[in-house]
Every structure is written in structure tokens, then in C-alpha cells.
C-alpha atoms as a PDB file:
ATOM      1  CA  GLU A   1      -0.103  -0.026   0.010  1.00  0.00           C
ATOM      2  CA  ASP A   2       3.167   2.298   0.073  1.00  0.00           C
ATOM      3  CA  GLY A   3       2.697   4.910  -2.728  1.00  0.00           C
ATOM      4  CA  MET A   4      -0.955   4.259  -3.019  1.00  0.00           C
ATOM      5  CA  PHE A   5      -2.873   7.287  -4.327  1.00  0.00           C
ATOM      6  CA  PHE A   6      -6.121   8.206  -6.023  1.00  0.00           C
ATOM      7  CA  ALA A   7      -7.516  10.863  -8.368  1.00  0.00           C
ATOM      8  CA  LEU A   8     -10.623  13.043  -7.475  1.00  0.00           C
ATOM      9  CA  PRO A   9     -11.795  15.834  -9.504  1.00  0.00           C
ATOM     10  CA  PHE A  10     -10.872  19.171  -7.915  1.00  0.00           C
ATOM     11  CA  ASP A  11     -14.577  20.407  -8.068  1.00  0.00           C
ATOM     12  CA  ALA A  12     -15.742  17.193  -6.281  1.00  0.00           C
ATOM     13  CA  LEU A  13     -13.063  17.624  -3.556  1.00  0.00           C
ATOM     14  CA  GLN A  14     -14.008  21.275  -3.087  1.00  0.00           C
ATOM     15  CA  GLN A  15     -17.675  20.472  -2.831  1.00  0.00           C
ATOM     16  CA  ALA A  16     -17.012  17.699  -0.291  1.00  0.00           C
ATOM     17  CA  CYS A  17     -15.013  20.048   1.741  1.00  0.00           C
ATOM     18  CA  ARG A  18     -17.928  22.414   1.820  1.00  0.00           C
ATOM     19  CA  ASP A  19     -20.488  19.816   2.582  1.00  0.00           C
ATOM     20  CA  LEU A  20     -18.792  17.410   4.931  1.00  0.00           C
ATOM     21  CA  ASN A  21     -16.537  17.657   7.900  1.00  0.00           C
ATOM     22  CA  GLY A  22     -14.636  15.416  10.387  1.00  0.00           C
ATOM     23  CA  ALA A  23     -15.453  11.759  10.016  1.00  0.00           C
ATOM     24  CA  SER A  24     -17.804  12.132   7.019  1.00  0.00           C
ATOM     25  CA  LEU A  25     -15.136  13.835   4.946  1.00  0.00           C
ATOM     26  CA  VAL A  26     -12.481  11.238   5.950  1.00  0.00           C
ATOM     27  CA  LEU A  27     -14.975   8.484   5.141  1.00  0.00           C
ATOM     28  CA  TYR A  28     -15.628  10.068   1.750  1.00  0.00           C
ATOM     29  CA  LEU A  29     -11.937  10.283   0.920  1.00  0.00           C
ATOM     30  CA  TYR A  30     -11.357   6.717   2.391  1.00  0.00           C
ATOM     31  CA  LEU A  31     -14.142   5.215   0.093  1.00  0.00           C
ATOM     32  CA  HIS A  32     -12.590   6.928  -2.989  1.00  0.00           C
ATOM     33  CA  GLN A  33      -9.120   5.718  -1.940  1.00  0.00           C
ATOM     34  CA  HIS A  34     -10.403   2.070  -1.825  1.00  0.00           C
ATOM     35  CA  LYS A  35     -12.189   2.110  -5.189  1.00  0.00           C
ATOM     36  CA  ASP A  36     -10.978  -0.279  -7.841  1.00  0.00           C
ATOM     37  CA  GLY A  37     -12.507   1.062 -10.999  1.00  0.00           C
ATOM     38  CA  PHE A  38     -16.076   1.828  -9.997  1.00  0.00           C
ATOM     39  CA  GLU A  39     -16.401  -0.862  -7.182  1.00  0.00           C
ATOM     40  CA  VAL A  40     -15.441  -0.356  -3.603  1.00  0.00           C
ATOM     41  CA  MET A  41     -15.897  -2.738  -0.718  1.00  0.00           C
ATOM     42  CA  TYR A  42     -16.772  -1.041   2.556  1.00  0.00           C
ATOM     43  CA  SER A  43     -16.112  -2.657   5.825  1.00  0.00           C
ATOM     44  CA  PRO A  44     -16.998  -0.431   8.958  1.00  0.00           C
ATOM     45  CA  GLN A  45     -14.414  -2.320  10.975  1.00  0.00           C
ATOM     46  CA  ALA A  46     -11.643  -1.820   8.316  1.00  0.00           C
ATOM     47  CA  PHE A  47     -12.594   1.831   8.399  1.00  0.00           C
ATOM     48  CA  MET A  48     -12.599   1.963  12.157  1.00  0.00           C
ATOM     49  CA  ASN A  49      -9.078   0.228  12.276  1.00  0.00           C
ATOM     50  CA  TRP A  50      -7.613   2.598   9.524  1.00  0.00           C
ATOM     51  CA  SER A  51      -9.099   5.777  10.885  1.00  0.00           C
ATOM     52  CA  GLY A  52      -9.190   5.228  14.579  1.00  0.00           C
ATOM     53  CA  PHE A  53     -12.847   6.429  14.723  1.00  0.00           C
ATOM     54  CA  SER A  54     -15.411   4.684  17.030  1.00  0.00           C
ATOM     55  CA  LYS A  55     -18.311   2.454  15.755  1.00  0.00           C
ATOM     56  CA  THR A  56     -20.674   5.284  16.514  1.00  0.00           C
ATOM     57  CA  THR A  57     -18.584   7.871  14.685  1.00  0.00           C
ATOM     58  CA  ALA A  58     -18.217   5.603  11.528  1.00  0.00           C
ATOM     59  CA  HIS A  59     -22.101   4.819  11.616  1.00  0.00           C
ATOM     60  CA  THR A  60     -22.687   8.748  11.853  1.00  0.00           C
ATOM     61  CA  ALA A  61     -20.175   9.506   9.031  1.00  0.00           C
ATOM     62  CA  MET A  62     -21.855   6.984   6.658  1.00  0.00           C
ATOM     63  CA  LYS A  63     -25.392   8.454   7.585  1.00  0.00           C
ATOM     64  CA  MET A  64     -24.187  11.956   6.724  1.00  0.00           C
ATOM     65  CA  LEU A  65     -22.866  10.741   3.407  1.00  0.00           C
ATOM     66  CA  VAL A  66     -26.406   9.225   2.624  1.00  0.00           C
ATOM     67  CA  GLU A  67     -28.237  12.342   3.757  1.00  0.00           C
ATOM     68  CA  LYS A  68     -25.892  14.676   1.810  1.00  0.00           C
ATOM     69  CA  GLY A  69     -26.350  12.616  -1.462  1.00  0.00           C
ATOM     70  CA  TYR A  70     -22.828  11.175  -1.620  1.00  0.00           C
ATOM     71  CA  ILE A  71     -24.103   7.544  -1.122  1.00  0.00           C
ATOM     72  CA  THR A  72     -27.265   5.969  -2.580  1.00  0.00           C
ATOM     73  CA  GLU A  73     -28.520   2.704  -1.309  1.00  0.00           C
ATOM     74  CA  ILE A  74     -29.310  -0.011  -3.837  1.00  0.00           C
ATOM     75  CA  ASN A  75     -30.022  -2.590  -1.180  1.00  0.00           C
ATOM     76  CA  ASN A  76     -28.609  -3.828   2.208  1.00  0.00           C
ATOM     77  CA  LEU A  77     -25.292  -4.737   0.608  1.00  0.00           C
ATOM     78  CA  PHE A  78     -24.719  -2.430  -2.267  1.00  0.00           C
ATOM     79  CA  TRP A  79     -24.259   1.301  -2.424  1.00  0.00           C
ATOM     80  CA  ILE A  80     -23.444   3.770  -5.113  1.00  0.00           C
ATOM     81  CA  LEU A  81     -20.779   6.135  -4.100  1.00  0.00           C
ATOM     82  CA  HIS A  82     -20.833   9.668  -5.857  1.00  0.00           C
ATOM     83  CA  SER A  83     -17.978  11.993  -6.265  1.00  0.00           C
ATOM     84  CA  LEU A  84     -20.539  14.862  -6.257  1.00  0.00           C
ATOM     85  CA  PRO A  85     -23.679  14.784  -4.322  1.00  0.00           C
ATOM     86  CA  ILE A  86     -26.925  13.992  -6.058  1.00  0.00           C
ATOM     87  CA  ASN A  87     -30.549  14.839  -5.077  1.00  0.00           C
ATOM     88  CA  GLY A  88     -33.427  12.478  -5.753  1.00  0.00           C
ATOM     89  CA  LYS A  89     -34.212  14.073  -9.110  1.00  0.00           C
ATOM     90  CA  GLU A  90     -30.786  13.742 -10.534  1.00  0.00           C
ATOM     91  CA  LYS A  91     -29.349  10.473 -12.086  1.00  0.00           C
ATOM     92  CA  PRO A  92     -25.830   9.548 -11.241  1.00  0.00           C
ATOM     93  CA  ASN A  93     -23.261  10.378 -13.821  1.00  0.00           C
ATOM     94  CA  GLU A  94     -20.449   8.001 -14.963  1.00  0.00           C
ATOM     95  CA  ASP A  95     -18.159   9.218 -12.138  1.00  0.00           C
ATOM     96  CA  PHE A  96     -19.615   6.812  -9.518  1.00  0.00           C
ATOM     97  CA  GLY A  97     -18.626   3.591  -7.868  1.00  0.00           C
ATOM     98  CA  THR A  98     -20.422   0.705  -6.183  1.00  0.00           C
ATOM     99  CA  THR A  99     -19.836   0.404  -2.475  1.00  0.00           C
ATOM    100  CA  GLN A 100     -20.443  -3.008  -0.969  1.00  0.00           C
ATOM    101  CA  MET A 101     -21.028  -3.268   2.757  1.00  0.00           C
ATOM    102  CA  GLU A 102     -20.122  -6.490   4.296  1.00  0.00           C
ATOM    103  CA  ALA A 103     -22.672  -8.559   6.036  1.00  0.00           C
ATOM    104  CA  PRO A 104     -23.140  -7.437   9.684  1.00  0.00           C
ATOM    105  CA  THR A 105     -21.502  -9.320  12.409  1.00  0.00           C
ATOM    106  CA  LYS A 106     -22.715  -9.023  16.064  1.00  0.00           C
ATOM    107  CA  ASP A 107     -19.380  -7.771  17.287  1.00  0.00           C
ATOM    108  CA  THR A 108     -17.902  -5.539  14.616  1.00  0.00           C
ATOM    109  CA  ASP A 109     -20.220  -4.141  12.030  1.00  0.00           C
ATOM    110  CA  LEU A 110     -22.862  -1.531  12.186  1.00  0.00           C
ATOM    111  CA  PRO A 111     -26.581  -2.049  11.960  1.00  0.00           C
ATOM    112  CA  PRO A 112     -28.453  -0.799   8.902  1.00  0.00           C
ATOM    113  CA  LEU A 113     -28.860   2.922   8.524  1.00  0.00           C
ATOM    114  CA  LEU A 114     -32.484   3.189   9.797  1.00  0.00           C
ATOM    115  CA  ASP A 115     -33.785   6.109  12.091  1.00  0.00           C
END
């Protein structure tokens, strides 16, 4: 992983810096860093280990990405990651990736994002 980097359009980074803060911005960057083409596997435990954030903070960060339009749920396992936020009327453009959430485990992973 030494020398690993990722490219993100400057306008997308600028918008994310305006919309997000703290853990949600770190998670946004983490998900983009871990994309392979358009697909990303997201493990809350791996993110917590990498970032040092707690389970609650990781859950809150993912919830904010959903609320701000950076993540769209497809089903319980798959999510679309958007470089720029979308609202309910827009369709994602070609600059997106699929994020797969691992199946929850009782000790390490987060519950579904329900209020």
C-alpha cells in the first residue's frame, strides 16, 4: 500500500470540503481511496481500524454521506458512491462507484442505517 494514491476531480473535492466535515469527509476520501474502478468494498471495521474512529462515529459519518447525497443505497449490501452529491431528481453520472457493505457481524459491524 506504500505509494498508493487516488485521483478525485478538484470540483468534487472542493464540494465535499464544503458539505462534509470530520469523520464524514474522512470516510468520503477513504471510500474513494479504496475504489477499484467503480467498485468499492466497505467494511466499517476496516474503516474504524484505518481511521481510529469509533463505531458510532463511523456510523454517523456513513449516515451523513447518505443524507448529503454522496451515497445512494441500492440494497442492504450495495451502495453507489458519488463524487459529487446528487439529489432525488438527478441521475448519477459516469463518475460513480459501487460500494459493497459486508454482512453485519454481531461484534464489529454497524446496524443498517435506519432512524
